[in-house]
């Protein structure tokens, strides 16, 4: 799993069993940071021409396959298949486009095991957003929670509503936080310490809260391209401190998440928080304070926080091999539920 944040490759060796319901276990997991040169290429990949992008597709697939091979050999694992999300270059579902690179054949040849990737494109061709894909896993693997929120490069949520699963991207998250933490000389804002030293820029906050995206109802998703609009607002003030930008972003995120969670039935709701943002203590404190006693915020264990998306993409692959639905039309807006993913080497 290489998320939109683009900082490294998450690998999880997962076992899935089905009885009355699906059960899972993460036996082993690790994150491998991208080599500096490769990481920079991935971050700039949306600017590449066709040939350069095709070469990077192969290079990245080969590199991932080598990492899988090392992981499997070192841990002495028996693997049925590798389920790879790849690295998102373009996500423009209105144009019928969602492109993830990390060539399946290159990955298969290097790893020596079957590969399943390209999970989004079928849904996009059926008129859907192709995202988010995690909710089917939330529904079948994490059914005990009212809300599942993942704070990765982008914050997304899934939940049951009127008997069906719905999900969507709420707002950006680590993609923007990391950008401005790096301006301050840090790779990321550990525990939200930098943000805690900043102040909320009210005018900027109002501009962010007023983005048209937040007025869209139903299936919706954010891509890296959409963040240019945010950066236009966040960088317009020349004399600005990264700490103030970070603090303003956290206030914006809390506001948008609270808007999504608002419930009037009086029953206390459980909210599972996963993704790297769950380690941002300052943000978690702000969110808990803002939501009040009506919500029980549950930060998952460290392994689930770090590897939930890798776990669920593995699960999507299992469903693909079984020819069972792994993408919900109620989530993406597609014309029907579907079973996406391209299989290499079977």
C-alpha atoms as a PDB file:
ATOM      1  CA  UNK A   1       0.000   0.000   0.000  1.00  0.00           C
ATOM      2  CA  UNK A   2       1.485   3.311  -1.126  1.00  0.00           C
ATOM      3  CA  UNK A   3      -0.919   6.017  -0.027  1.00  0.00           C
ATOM      4  CA  UNK A   4      -1.507   9.484  -1.409  1.00  0.00           C
ATOM      5  CA  UNK A   5       0.939  10.861   1.185  1.00  0.00           C
ATOM      6  CA  UNK A   6       3.730   9.247  -0.839  1.00  0.00           C
ATOM      7  CA  UNK A   7       6.217   8.589   1.950  1.00  0.00           C
ATOM      8  CA  UNK A   8       6.686   4.828   1.905  1.00  0.00           C
ATOM      9  CA  UNK A   9       5.398   1.337   1.196  1.00  0.00           C
ATOM     10  CA  UNK A  10       3.260  -0.443   3.796  1.00  0.00           C
ATOM     11  CA  UNK A  11       3.352  -4.237   3.671  1.00  0.00           C
ATOM     12  CA  UNK A  12       1.153  -6.450   5.824  1.00  0.00           C
ATOM     13  CA  UNK A  13       0.948 -10.241   5.843  1.00  0.00           C
ATOM     14  CA  UNK A  14      -2.686 -10.928   6.648  1.00  0.00           C
ATOM     15  CA  UNK A  15      -4.735 -14.063   7.178  1.00  0.00           C
ATOM     16  CA  UNK A  16      -8.477 -13.974   6.468  1.00  0.00           C
ATOM     17  CA  UNK A  17     -10.990 -16.605   7.522  1.00  0.00           C
ATOM     18  CA  UNK A  18     -14.718 -16.709   7.023  1.00  0.00           C
ATOM     19  CA  UNK A  19     -17.173 -18.366   9.404  1.00  0.00           C
ATOM     20  CA  UNK A  20     -20.378 -16.604  10.397  1.00  0.00           C
ATOM     21  CA  UNK A  21     -18.438 -13.433   9.630  1.00  0.00           C
ATOM     22  CA  UNK A  22     -15.026 -12.467   8.325  1.00  0.00           C
ATOM     23  CA  UNK A  23     -12.098 -12.619  10.750  1.00  0.00           C
ATOM     24  CA  UNK A  24      -8.585 -11.364  10.170  1.00  0.00           C
ATOM     25  CA  UNK A  25      -5.150 -11.345  11.711  1.00  0.00           C
ATOM     26  CA  UNK A  26      -2.117  -9.245  10.805  1.00  0.00           C
ATOM     27  CA  UNK A  27       0.709 -11.734  11.307  1.00  0.00           C
ATOM     28  CA  UNK A  28       3.536  -9.430  10.296  1.00  0.00           C
ATOM     29  CA  UNK A  29       3.860  -5.918   8.920  1.00  0.00           C
ATOM     30  CA  UNK A  30       6.489  -3.351   8.047  1.00  0.00           C
ATOM     31  CA  UNK A  31       6.920  -0.019   6.304  1.00  0.00           C
ATOM     32  CA  UNK A  32       9.765   0.600   3.890  1.00  0.00           C
ATOM     33  CA  UNK A  33      10.612   4.222   3.172  1.00  0.00           C
ATOM     34  CA  UNK A  34      10.983   5.113  -0.467  1.00  0.00           C
ATOM     35  CA  UNK A  35      14.554   5.647  -1.641  1.00  0.00           C
ATOM     36  CA  UNK A  36      15.016   9.408  -1.836  1.00  0.00           C
ATOM     37  CA  UNK A  37      15.268   9.510  -5.625  1.00  0.00           C
ATOM     38  CA  UNK A  38      12.252   7.255  -6.169  1.00  0.00           C
ATOM     39  CA  UNK A  39      10.193   9.175  -3.618  1.00  0.00           C
ATOM     40  CA  UNK A  40      10.844  12.437  -5.442  1.00  0.00           C
ATOM     41  CA  UNK A  41       9.877  10.869  -8.757  1.00  0.00           C
ATOM     42  CA  UNK A  42       6.587   9.637  -7.297  1.00  0.00           C
ATOM     43  CA  UNK A  43       5.789  13.049  -5.854  1.00  0.00           C
ATOM     44  CA  UNK A  44       6.349  14.659  -9.259  1.00  0.00           C
ATOM     45  CA  UNK A  45       4.811  11.867 -11.327  1.00  0.00           C
ATOM     46  CA  UNK A  46       1.663  13.853 -12.152  1.00  0.00           C
ATOM     47  CA  UNK A  47       3.896  16.268 -14.096  1.00  0.00           C
ATOM     48  CA  UNK A  48       5.639  13.589 -16.205  1.00  0.00           C
ATOM     49  CA  UNK A  49       5.123  12.988 -19.920  1.00  0.00           C
ATOM     50  CA  UNK A  50       3.856   9.637 -21.170  1.00  0.00           C
ATOM     51  CA  UNK A  51       7.186   7.883 -21.706  1.00  0.00           C
ATOM     52  CA  UNK A  52       8.674   9.074 -18.436  1.00  0.00           C
ATOM     53  CA  UNK A  53       5.561   7.951 -16.563  1.00  0.00           C
ATOM     54  CA  UNK A  54       5.632   4.537 -18.260  1.00  0.00           C
ATOM     55  CA  UNK A  55       9.250   4.056 -17.155  1.00  0.00           C
ATOM     56  CA  UNK A  56       8.384   5.060 -13.593  1.00  0.00           C
ATOM     57  CA  UNK A  57       5.453   2.619 -13.630  1.00  0.00           C
ATOM     58  CA  UNK A  58       7.884  -0.220 -14.355  1.00  0.00           C
ATOM     59  CA  UNK A  59      10.562   1.042 -11.968  1.00  0.00           C
ATOM     60  CA  UNK A  60       8.106   1.328  -9.099  1.00  0.00           C
ATOM     61  CA  UNK A  61       6.526  -2.063  -9.803  1.00  0.00           C
ATOM     62  CA  UNK A  62       9.955  -3.690  -9.836  1.00  0.00           C
ATOM     63  CA  UNK A  63      10.993  -1.958  -6.607  1.00  0.00           C
ATOM     64  CA  UNK A  64       7.788  -3.022  -4.840  1.00  0.00           C
ATOM     65  CA  UNK A  65       8.277  -6.591  -6.033  1.00  0.00           C
ATOM     66  CA  UNK A  66      11.802  -6.630  -4.613  1.00  0.00           C
ATOM     67  CA  UNK A  67      10.533  -5.365  -1.251  1.00  0.00           C
ATOM     68  CA  UNK A  68       7.832  -8.039  -1.198  1.00  0.00           C
ATOM     69  CA  UNK A  69      10.391 -10.731  -2.056  1.00  0.00           C
ATOM     70  CA  UNK A  70      12.678  -9.618   0.786  1.00  0.00           C
ATOM     71  CA  UNK A  71       9.756  -9.435   3.232  1.00  0.00           C
ATOM     72  CA  UNK A  72       8.422 -12.883   2.308  1.00  0.00           C
ATOM     73  CA  UNK A  73      11.891 -14.468   2.423  1.00  0.00           C
ATOM     74  CA  UNK A  74      12.942 -12.866   5.712  1.00  0.00           C
ATOM     75  CA  UNK A  75       9.668 -13.692   7.479  1.00  0.00           C
ATOM     76  CA  UNK A  76       9.424 -17.146   5.819  1.00  0.00           C
ATOM     77  CA  UNK A  77       5.861 -16.497   4.661  1.00  0.00           C
ATOM     78  CA  UNK A  78       3.526 -18.557   2.487  1.00  0.00           C
ATOM     79  CA  UNK A  79       1.728 -16.045   0.263  1.00  0.00           C
ATOM     80  CA  UNK A  80      -1.320 -16.652  -1.935  1.00  0.00           C
ATOM     81  CA  UNK A  81      -1.238 -13.239  -3.606  1.00  0.00           C
ATOM     82  CA  UNK A  82       0.061  -9.693  -3.341  1.00  0.00           C
ATOM     83  CA  UNK A  83      -2.683  -7.067  -3.398  1.00  0.00           C
ATOM     84  CA  UNK A  84      -1.215  -3.738  -4.443  1.00  0.00           C
ATOM     85  CA  UNK A  85      -2.879  -0.339  -4.439  1.00  0.00           C
ATOM     86  CA  UNK A  86       0.020   1.366  -6.208  1.00  0.00           C
ATOM     87  CA  UNK A  87       0.776   5.082  -6.225  1.00  0.00           C
ATOM     88  CA  UNK A  88      -1.969   7.417  -7.394  1.00  0.00           C
ATOM     89  CA  UNK A  89      -0.874   9.772 -10.163  1.00  0.00           C
ATOM     90  CA  UNK A  90      -4.249  11.041 -11.387  1.00  0.00           C
ATOM     91  CA  UNK A  91      -7.683  10.716  -9.837  1.00  0.00           C
ATOM     92  CA  UNK A  92     -10.267  12.508 -11.971  1.00  0.00           C
ATOM     93  CA  UNK A  93     -13.372  10.300 -11.958  1.00  0.00           C
ATOM     94  CA  UNK A  94     -15.500  12.859 -13.818  1.00  0.00           C
ATOM     95  CA  UNK A  95     -13.141  12.323 -16.762  1.00  0.00           C
ATOM     96  CA  UNK A  96     -13.171   8.550 -16.281  1.00  0.00           C
ATOM     97  CA  UNK A  97      -9.589   8.556 -14.992  1.00  0.00           C
ATOM     98  CA  UNK A  98      -7.984   7.015 -11.919  1.00  0.00           C
ATOM     99  CA  UNK A  99      -4.378   6.035 -12.533  1.00  0.00           C
ATOM    100  CA  UNK A 100      -2.188   4.183 -10.055  1.00  0.00           C
ATOM    101  CA  UNK A 101       1.316   3.161 -11.077  1.00  0.00           C
ATOM    102  CA  UNK A 102       3.371   0.188  -9.946  1.00  0.00           C
ATOM    103  CA  UNK A 103       3.238  -2.185 -12.906  1.00  0.00           C
ATOM    104  CA  UNK A 104       1.569  -5.494 -12.061  1.00  0.00           C
ATOM    105  CA  UNK A 105       3.707  -7.643 -14.329  1.00  0.00           C
ATOM    106  CA  UNK A 106       6.933  -6.085 -13.054  1.00  0.00           C
ATOM    107  CA  UNK A 107       5.788  -6.590  -9.467  1.00  0.00           C
ATOM    108  CA  UNK A 108       4.765 -10.182 -10.199  1.00  0.00           C
ATOM    109  CA  UNK A 109       8.078 -11.058 -11.857  1.00  0.00           C
ATOM    110  CA  UNK A 110      10.136  -9.549  -9.036  1.00  0.00           C
ATOM    111  CA  UNK A 111       8.050 -10.985  -6.188  1.00  0.00           C
ATOM    112  CA  UNK A 112       7.381 -14.388  -7.744  1.00  0.00           C
ATOM    113  CA  UNK A 113       3.734 -14.523  -6.612  1.00  0.00           C
ATOM    114  CA  UNK A 114       0.385 -13.573  -8.184  1.00  0.00           C
ATOM    115  CA  UNK A 115      -0.510  -9.882  -8.032  1.00  0.00           C
ATOM    116  CA  UNK A 116      -3.840  -8.060  -7.916  1.00  0.00           C
ATOM    117  CA  UNK A 117      -3.926  -4.306  -8.549  1.00  0.00           C
ATOM    118  CA  UNK A 118      -5.891  -1.568 -10.358  1.00  0.00           C
ATOM    119  CA  UNK A 119      -8.808  -1.770  -7.923  1.00  0.00           C
ATOM    120  CA  UNK A 120     -10.401   1.562  -8.841  1.00  0.00           C
ATOM    121  CA  UNK A 121     -10.820   1.718 -12.602  1.00  0.00           C
ATOM    122  CA  UNK A 122     -13.810  -0.606 -13.048  1.00  0.00           C
ATOM    123  CA  UNK A 123     -15.841   1.467 -10.615  1.00  0.00           C
ATOM    124  CA  UNK A 124     -14.863   4.683 -12.400  1.00  0.00           C
ATOM    125  CA  UNK A 125     -15.983   3.196 -15.713  1.00  0.00           C
ATOM    126  CA  UNK A 126     -19.311   2.367 -14.077  1.00  0.00           C
ATOM    127  CA  UNK A 127     -19.769   6.046 -13.292  1.00  0.00           C
ATOM    128  CA  UNK A 128     -18.426   5.873  -9.753  1.00  0.00           C
ATOM    129  CA  UNK A 129     -15.771   7.833  -7.908  1.00  0.00           C
ATOM    130  CA  UNK A 130     -13.494   4.793  -7.644  1.00  0.00           C
ATOM    131  CA  UNK A 131     -13.034   5.886  -4.044  1.00  0.00           C
ATOM    132  CA  UNK A 132     -13.040   5.337  -1.214  1.00  0.00           C
ATOM    133  CA  UNK A 133     -12.511   1.581  -1.411  1.00  0.00           C
ATOM    134  CA  UNK A 134     -11.910   0.876   2.279  1.00  0.00           C
ATOM    135  CA  UNK A 135     -15.617   0.945   3.356  1.00  0.00           C
ATOM    136  CA  UNK A 136     -16.339  -2.636   2.280  1.00  0.00           C
ATOM    137  CA  UNK A 137     -13.585  -3.637   4.714  1.00  0.00           C
ATOM    138  CA  UNK A 138     -15.020  -1.373   7.406  1.00  0.00           C
ATOM    139  CA  UNK A 139     -18.410  -3.005   6.911  1.00  0.00           C
ATOM    140  CA  UNK A 140     -17.175  -6.588   7.011  1.00  0.00           C
ATOM    141  CA  UNK A 141     -14.137  -6.369   9.325  1.00  0.00           C
ATOM    142  CA  UNK A 142     -14.919  -3.443  11.675  1.00  0.00           C
ATOM    143  CA  UNK A 143     -18.695  -3.667  12.020  1.00  0.00           C
ATOM    144  CA  UNK A 144     -18.677  -2.896  15.778  1.00  0.00           C
ATOM    145  CA  UNK A 145     -17.997   0.825  15.199  1.00  0.00           C
ATOM    146  CA  UNK A 146     -20.576   3.448  14.214  1.00  0.00           C
ATOM    147  CA  UNK A 147     -18.017   5.481  12.276  1.00  0.00           C
ATOM    148  CA  UNK A 148     -14.634   4.550  10.822  1.00  0.00           C
ATOM    149  CA  UNK A 149     -12.403   7.538  10.093  1.00  0.00           C
ATOM    150  CA  UNK A 150      -9.008   7.178   8.468  1.00  0.00           C
ATOM    151  CA  UNK A 151      -6.627  10.108   8.774  1.00  0.00           C
ATOM    152  CA  UNK A 152      -4.136   9.493   5.983  1.00  0.00           C
ATOM    153  CA  UNK A 153      -3.095  11.842   3.210  1.00  0.00           C
ATOM    154  CA  UNK A 154      -6.807  12.582   2.975  1.00  0.00           C
ATOM    155  CA  UNK A 155      -9.348  12.082   5.786  1.00  0.00           C
ATOM    156  CA  UNK A 156     -12.227   9.785   4.901  1.00  0.00           C
ATOM    157  CA  UNK A 157     -15.164   8.242   6.716  1.00  0.00           C
ATOM    158  CA  UNK A 158     -17.501   5.293   6.341  1.00  0.00           C
ATOM    159  CA  UNK A 159     -20.710   4.461   8.212  1.00  0.00           C
ATOM    160  CA  UNK A 160     -24.060   2.724   7.964  1.00  0.00           C
ATOM    161  CA  UNK A 161     -26.986   4.930   6.994  1.00  0.00           C
ATOM    162  CA  UNK A 162     -30.524   3.703   6.322  1.00  0.00           C
ATOM    163  CA  UNK A 163     -29.304   0.133   6.036  1.00  0.00           C
ATOM    164  CA  UNK A 164     -26.500   0.741   3.558  1.00  0.00           C
ATOM    165  CA  UNK A 165     -22.834   1.675   3.753  1.00  0.00           C
ATOM    166  CA  UNK A 166     -21.921   5.196   2.758  1.00  0.00           C
ATOM    167  CA  UNK A 167     -18.485   6.761   2.673  1.00  0.00           C
ATOM    168  CA  UNK A 168     -16.641   9.737   1.280  1.00  0.00           C
ATOM    169  CA  UNK A 169     -13.537  11.860   1.642  1.00  0.00           C
ATOM    170  CA  UNK A 170     -14.100  14.481   4.335  1.00  0.00           C
ATOM    171  CA  UNK A 171     -11.163  16.823   3.793  1.00  0.00           C
ATOM    172  CA  UNK A 172      -7.412  16.770   3.203  1.00  0.00           C
ATOM    173  CA  UNK A 173      -5.214  15.709   6.090  1.00  0.00           C
ATOM    174  CA  UNK A 174      -1.549  14.683   6.178  1.00  0.00           C
ATOM    175  CA  UNK A 175      -0.833  15.776   2.611  1.00  0.00           C
ATOM    176  CA  UNK A 176      -1.194  19.413   3.633  1.00  0.00           C
ATOM    177  CA  UNK A 177       0.122  19.016   7.183  1.00  0.00           C
ATOM    178  CA  UNK A 178       3.326  17.390   5.934  1.00  0.00           C
ATOM    179  CA  UNK A 179       3.759  20.077   3.281  1.00  0.00           C
ATOM    180  CA  UNK A 180       3.856  22.864   5.857  1.00  0.00           C
ATOM    181  CA  UNK A 181       5.749  20.861   8.464  1.00  0.00           C
ATOM    182  CA  UNK A 182       8.470  20.468   5.836  1.00  0.00           C
ATOM    183  CA  UNK A 183       8.480  24.238   5.375  1.00  0.00           C
ATOM    184  CA  UNK A 184       9.366  24.430   9.064  1.00  0.00           C
ATOM    185  CA  UNK A 185      12.206  21.938   8.602  1.00  0.00           C
ATOM    186  CA  UNK A 186      10.404  18.802   9.826  1.00  0.00           C
ATOM    187  CA  UNK A 187       9.309  15.754   7.844  1.00  0.00           C
ATOM    188  CA  UNK A 188       5.980  15.852   9.715  1.00  0.00           C
ATOM    189  CA  UNK A 189       4.428  17.558  12.740  1.00  0.00           C
ATOM    190  CA  UNK A 190       5.100  15.011  15.500  1.00  0.00           C
ATOM    191  CA  UNK A 191       2.239  14.946  18.032  1.00  0.00           C
ATOM    192  CA  UNK A 192       0.977  18.217  16.515  1.00  0.00           C
ATOM    193  CA  UNK A 193       3.622  20.125  18.465  1.00  0.00           C
ATOM    194  CA  UNK A 194       4.228  22.722  15.735  1.00  0.00           C
ATOM    195  CA  UNK A 195       0.503  23.348  15.306  1.00  0.00           C
ATOM    196  CA  UNK A 196       0.092  23.749  19.057  1.00  0.00           C
ATOM    197  CA  UNK A 197       2.506  26.695  18.905  1.00  0.00           C
ATOM    198  CA  UNK A 198       0.541  28.474  16.168  1.00  0.00           C
ATOM    199  CA  UNK A 199      -2.595  30.580  16.085  1.00  0.00           C
ATOM    200  CA  UNK A 200      -5.766  30.228  14.030  1.00  0.00           C
ATOM    201  CA  UNK A 201      -5.866  32.572  11.026  1.00  0.00           C
ATOM    202  CA  UNK A 202      -9.591  33.384  10.966  1.00  0.00           C
ATOM    203  CA  UNK A 203      -9.814  34.782   7.434  1.00  0.00           C
ATOM    204  CA  UNK A 204      -7.955  31.799   6.026  1.00  0.00           C
ATOM    205  CA  UNK A 205     -10.120  29.414   8.054  1.00  0.00           C
ATOM    206  CA  UNK A 206     -13.286  30.974   6.660  1.00  0.00           C
ATOM    207  CA  UNK A 207     -11.960  30.577   3.109  1.00  0.00           C
ATOM    208  CA  UNK A 208     -11.180  26.904   3.706  1.00  0.00           C
ATOM    209  CA  UNK A 209     -14.544  26.199   5.330  1.00  0.00           C
ATOM    210  CA  UNK A 210     -16.257  27.865   2.369  1.00  0.00           C
ATOM    211  CA  UNK A 211     -14.852  25.524  -0.292  1.00  0.00           C
ATOM    212  CA  UNK A 212     -17.602  24.224  -2.647  1.00  0.00           C
ATOM    213  CA  UNK A 213     -16.516  20.621  -2.015  1.00  0.00           C
ATOM    214  CA  UNK A 214     -18.112  20.709   1.427  1.00  0.00           C
ATOM    215  CA  UNK A 215     -21.519  21.516  -0.053  1.00  0.00           C
ATOM    216  CA  UNK A 216     -21.524  18.442  -2.304  1.00  0.00           C
ATOM    217  CA  UNK A 217     -23.844  15.706  -1.063  1.00  0.00           C
ATOM    218  CA  UNK A 218     -23.562  11.996  -1.767  1.00  0.00           C
ATOM    219  CA  UNK A 219     -20.522  10.190  -3.164  1.00  0.00           C
ATOM    220  CA  UNK A 220     -17.491  12.454  -3.471  1.00  0.00           C
ATOM    221  CA  UNK A 221     -13.734  12.147  -3.315  1.00  0.00           C
ATOM    222  CA  UNK A 222     -10.624  14.300  -3.259  1.00  0.00           C
ATOM    223  CA  UNK A 223      -7.511  13.777  -5.365  1.00  0.00           C
ATOM    224  CA  UNK A 224      -4.056  15.288  -5.163  1.00  0.00           C
ATOM    225  CA  UNK A 225      -5.056  17.721  -7.931  1.00  0.00           C
ATOM    226  CA  UNK A 226      -7.811  19.181  -5.739  1.00  0.00           C
ATOM    227  CA  UNK A 227      -5.243  20.237  -3.171  1.00  0.00           C
ATOM    228  CA  UNK A 228      -3.955  22.944  -5.488  1.00  0.00           C
ATOM    229  CA  UNK A 229      -7.055  24.956  -4.540  1.00  0.00           C
ATOM    230  CA  UNK A 230      -6.167  24.595  -0.873  1.00  0.00           C
ATOM    231  CA  UNK A 231      -2.564  25.580  -1.479  1.00  0.00           C
ATOM    232  CA  UNK A 232      -3.715  28.701  -3.325  1.00  0.00           C
ATOM    233  CA  UNK A 233      -5.447  29.818  -0.129  1.00  0.00           C
ATOM    234  CA  UNK A 234      -2.769  28.606   2.278  1.00  0.00           C
ATOM    235  CA  UNK A 235       0.119  30.270   0.438  1.00  0.00           C
ATOM    236  CA  UNK A 236      -1.499  33.592  -0.469  1.00  0.00           C
ATOM    237  CA  UNK A 237      -0.306  35.302   2.690  1.00  0.00           C
ATOM    238  CA  UNK A 238       3.374  36.078   2.166  1.00  0.00           C
ATOM    239  CA  UNK A 239       4.320  36.767   5.775  1.00  0.00           C
ATOM    240  CA  UNK A 240       3.009  33.647   7.422  1.00  0.00           C
ATOM    241  CA  UNK A 241       4.382  31.126   9.881  1.00  0.00           C
ATOM    242  CA  UNK A 242       4.083  27.403   9.117  1.00  0.00           C
ATOM    243  CA  UNK A 243       2.904  26.930  12.705  1.00  0.00           C
ATOM    244  CA  UNK A 244      -0.075  29.228  12.078  1.00  0.00           C
ATOM    245  CA  UNK A 245      -0.951  27.408   8.855  1.00  0.00           C
ATOM    246  CA  UNK A 246      -0.795  24.055  10.650  1.00  0.00           C
ATOM    247  CA  UNK A 247      -2.959  25.321  13.512  1.00  0.00           C
ATOM    248  CA  UNK A 248      -5.495  26.722  11.056  1.00  0.00           C
ATOM    249  CA  UNK A 249      -5.596  23.452   9.130  1.00  0.00           C
ATOM    250  CA  UNK A 250      -6.301  21.473  12.300  1.00  0.00           C
ATOM    251  CA  UNK A 251      -9.139  23.826  13.197  1.00  0.00           C
ATOM    252  CA  UNK A 252     -10.513  23.360   9.686  1.00  0.00           C
ATOM    253  CA  UNK A 253     -10.245  19.569   9.911  1.00  0.00           C
ATOM    254  CA  UNK A 254     -11.996  19.448  13.295  1.00  0.00           C
ATOM    255  CA  UNK A 255     -14.809  21.604  11.940  1.00  0.00           C
ATOM    256  CA  UNK A 256     -15.355  19.458   8.851  1.00  0.00           C
ATOM    257  CA  UNK A 257     -15.233  16.167  10.748  1.00  0.00           C
ATOM    258  CA  UNK A 258     -17.665  17.506  13.349  1.00  0.00           C
ATOM    259  CA  UNK A 259     -20.072  18.583  10.592  1.00  0.00           C
ATOM    260  CA  UNK A 260     -20.061  15.048   9.205  1.00  0.00           C
ATOM    261  CA  UNK A 261     -20.562  13.362  12.584  1.00  0.00           C
ATOM    262  CA  UNK A 262     -23.445  15.498  13.833  1.00  0.00           C
ATOM    263  CA  UNK A 263     -26.130  13.170  15.176  1.00  0.00           C
ATOM    264  CA  UNK A 264     -29.408  14.004  16.832  1.00  0.00           C
ATOM    265  CA  UNK A 265     -30.634  10.614  18.060  1.00  0.00           C
ATOM    266  CA  UNK A 266     -29.096  11.040  21.527  1.00  0.00           C
ATOM    267  CA  UNK A 267     -27.269   7.702  21.408  1.00  0.00           C
ATOM    268  CA  UNK A 268     -23.538   7.782  22.127  1.00  0.00           C
ATOM    269  CA  UNK A 269     -21.594   6.866  19.008  1.00  0.00           C
ATOM    270  CA  UNK A 270     -18.288   5.037  18.716  1.00  0.00           C
ATOM    271  CA  UNK A 271     -15.715   6.476  16.326  1.00  0.00           C
ATOM    272  CA  UNK A 272     -12.707   4.406  15.245  1.00  0.00           C
ATOM    273  CA  UNK A 273      -9.737   6.558  14.250  1.00  0.00           C
ATOM    274  CA  UNK A 274      -6.943   5.060  12.164  1.00  0.00           C
ATOM    275  CA  UNK A 275      -4.178   6.349   9.908  1.00  0.00           C
ATOM    276  CA  UNK A 276      -1.117   8.398  10.760  1.00  0.00           C
ATOM    277  CA  UNK A 277      -3.239  11.312  11.955  1.00  0.00           C
ATOM    278  CA  UNK A 278      -4.296   9.214  14.960  1.00  0.00           C
ATOM    279  CA  UNK A 279      -0.794   9.834  16.349  1.00  0.00           C
ATOM    280  CA  UNK A 280      -1.317  13.621  16.202  1.00  0.00           C
ATOM    281  CA  UNK A 281      -2.087  14.077  19.894  1.00  0.00           C
ATOM    282  CA  UNK A 282      -2.887  17.775  19.626  1.00  0.00           C
ATOM    283  CA  UNK A 283      -5.426  17.135  16.872  1.00  0.00           C
ATOM    284  CA  UNK A 284      -7.006  14.203  18.719  1.00  0.00           C
ATOM    285  CA  UNK A 285      -7.415  16.374  21.828  1.00  0.00           C
ATOM    286  CA  UNK A 286      -9.015  19.162  19.763  1.00  0.00           C
ATOM    287  CA  UNK A 287     -11.403  16.702  18.117  1.00  0.00           C
ATOM    288  CA  UNK A 288     -12.429  15.035  21.375  1.00  0.00           C
ATOM    289  CA  UNK A 289     -13.026  18.396  23.037  1.00  0.00           C
ATOM    290  CA  UNK A 290     -15.088  19.632  20.089  1.00  0.00           C
ATOM    291  CA  UNK A 291     -17.268  16.509  19.837  1.00  0.00           C
ATOM    292  CA  UNK A 292     -18.032  16.261  23.553  1.00  0.00           C
ATOM    293  CA  UNK A 293     -19.538  13.334  25.458  1.00  0.00           C
ATOM    294  CA  UNK A 294     -21.837  12.185  22.659  1.00  0.00           C
ATOM    295  CA  UNK A 295     -18.965  10.373  20.973  1.00  0.00           C
ATOM    296  CA  UNK A 296     -16.488   7.788  22.173  1.00  0.00           C
ATOM    297  CA  UNK A 297     -13.275   8.326  20.234  1.00  0.00           C
ATOM    298  CA  UNK A 298     -11.369   5.065  19.910  1.00  0.00           C
ATOM    299  CA  UNK A 299      -7.811   5.201  18.644  1.00  0.00           C
ATOM    300  CA  UNK A 300      -7.040   1.758  17.234  1.00  0.00           C
ATOM    301  CA  UNK A 301      -3.976  -0.194  18.295  1.00  0.00           C
ATOM    302  CA  UNK A 302      -0.702   0.834  16.693  1.00  0.00           C
ATOM    303  CA  UNK A 303      -0.645  -2.014  14.169  1.00  0.00           C
ATOM    304  CA  UNK A 304      -4.182  -1.257  12.949  1.00  0.00           C
ATOM    305  CA  UNK A 305      -3.483   2.498  12.872  1.00  0.00           C
ATOM    306  CA  UNK A 306      -0.436   1.964  10.708  1.00  0.00           C
ATOM    307  CA  UNK A 307      -1.609  -0.896   8.517  1.00  0.00           C
ATOM    308  CA  UNK A 308      -5.413  -0.804   8.300  1.00  0.00           C
ATOM    309  CA  UNK A 309      -5.398   0.329   4.671  1.00  0.00           C
ATOM    310  CA  UNK A 310      -2.852  -2.339   3.725  1.00  0.00           C
ATOM    311  CA  UNK A 311      -5.011  -4.888   5.555  1.00  0.00           C
ATOM    312  CA  UNK A 312      -8.144  -3.847   3.712  1.00  0.00           C
ATOM    313  CA  UNK A 313      -6.510  -3.775   0.289  1.00  0.00           C
ATOM    314  CA  UNK A 314      -5.423  -7.328   1.004  1.00  0.00           C
ATOM    315  CA  UNK A 315      -9.060  -8.067   1.812  1.00  0.00           C
ATOM    316  CA  UNK A 316     -10.182  -6.443  -1.455  1.00  0.00           C
ATOM    317  CA  UNK A 317      -7.865  -8.856  -3.222  1.00  0.00           C
ATOM    318  CA  UNK A 318      -9.373 -11.820  -1.375  1.00  0.00           C
ATOM    319  CA  UNK A 319     -12.851 -10.719  -2.448  1.00  0.00           C
ATOM    320  CA  UNK A 320     -11.581 -10.281  -6.019  1.00  0.00           C
ATOM    321  CA  UNK A 321     -10.214 -13.826  -6.074  1.00  0.00           C
ATOM    322  CA  UNK A 322     -13.596 -15.059  -4.812  1.00  0.00           C
ATOM    323  CA  UNK A 323     -15.434 -12.922  -7.407  1.00  0.00           C
ATOM    324  CA  UNK A 324     -17.362 -11.215  -4.613  1.00  0.00           C
ATOM    325  CA  UNK A 325     -18.285  -7.540  -4.406  1.00  0.00           C
ATOM    326  CA  UNK A 326     -15.353  -5.412  -3.229  1.00  0.00           C
ATOM    327  CA  UNK A 327     -16.670  -1.970  -4.177  1.00  0.00           C
ATOM    328  CA  UNK A 328     -20.032  -0.586  -3.065  1.00  0.00           C
ATOM    329  CA  UNK A 329     -22.162   1.575  -5.348  1.00  0.00           C
ATOM    330  CA  UNK A 330     -23.724   3.172  -2.250  1.00  0.00           C
ATOM    331  CA  UNK A 331     -20.252   4.517  -1.465  1.00  0.00           C
ATOM    332  CA  UNK A 332     -18.894   5.474  -4.887  1.00  0.00           C
ATOM    333  CA  UNK A 333     -22.029   6.386  -6.817  1.00  0.00           C
ATOM    334  CA  UNK A 334     -21.388   3.741  -9.485  1.00  0.00           C
ATOM    335  CA  UNK A 335     -24.272   2.219 -11.433  1.00  0.00           C
ATOM    336  CA  UNK A 336     -23.867  -1.056  -9.524  1.00  0.00           C
ATOM    337  CA  UNK A 337     -21.792  -2.851  -6.913  1.00  0.00           C
ATOM    338  CA  UNK A 338     -18.711  -4.314  -8.541  1.00  0.00           C
ATOM    339  CA  UNK A 339     -15.637  -6.472  -8.127  1.00  0.00           C
ATOM    340  CA  UNK A 340     -12.587  -4.539  -9.287  1.00  0.00           C
ATOM    341  CA  UNK A 341      -8.966  -5.517  -9.675  1.00  0.00           C
ATOM    342  CA  UNK A 342      -6.649  -6.886 -12.374  1.00  0.00           C
ATOM    343  CA  UNK A 343      -4.941 -10.219 -11.695  1.00  0.00           C
ATOM    344  CA  UNK A 344      -1.396 -10.976 -12.858  1.00  0.00           C
ATOM    345  CA  UNK A 345       0.232 -14.407 -12.786  1.00  0.00           C
ATOM    346  CA  UNK A 346      -2.652 -16.741 -11.980  1.00  0.00           C
END
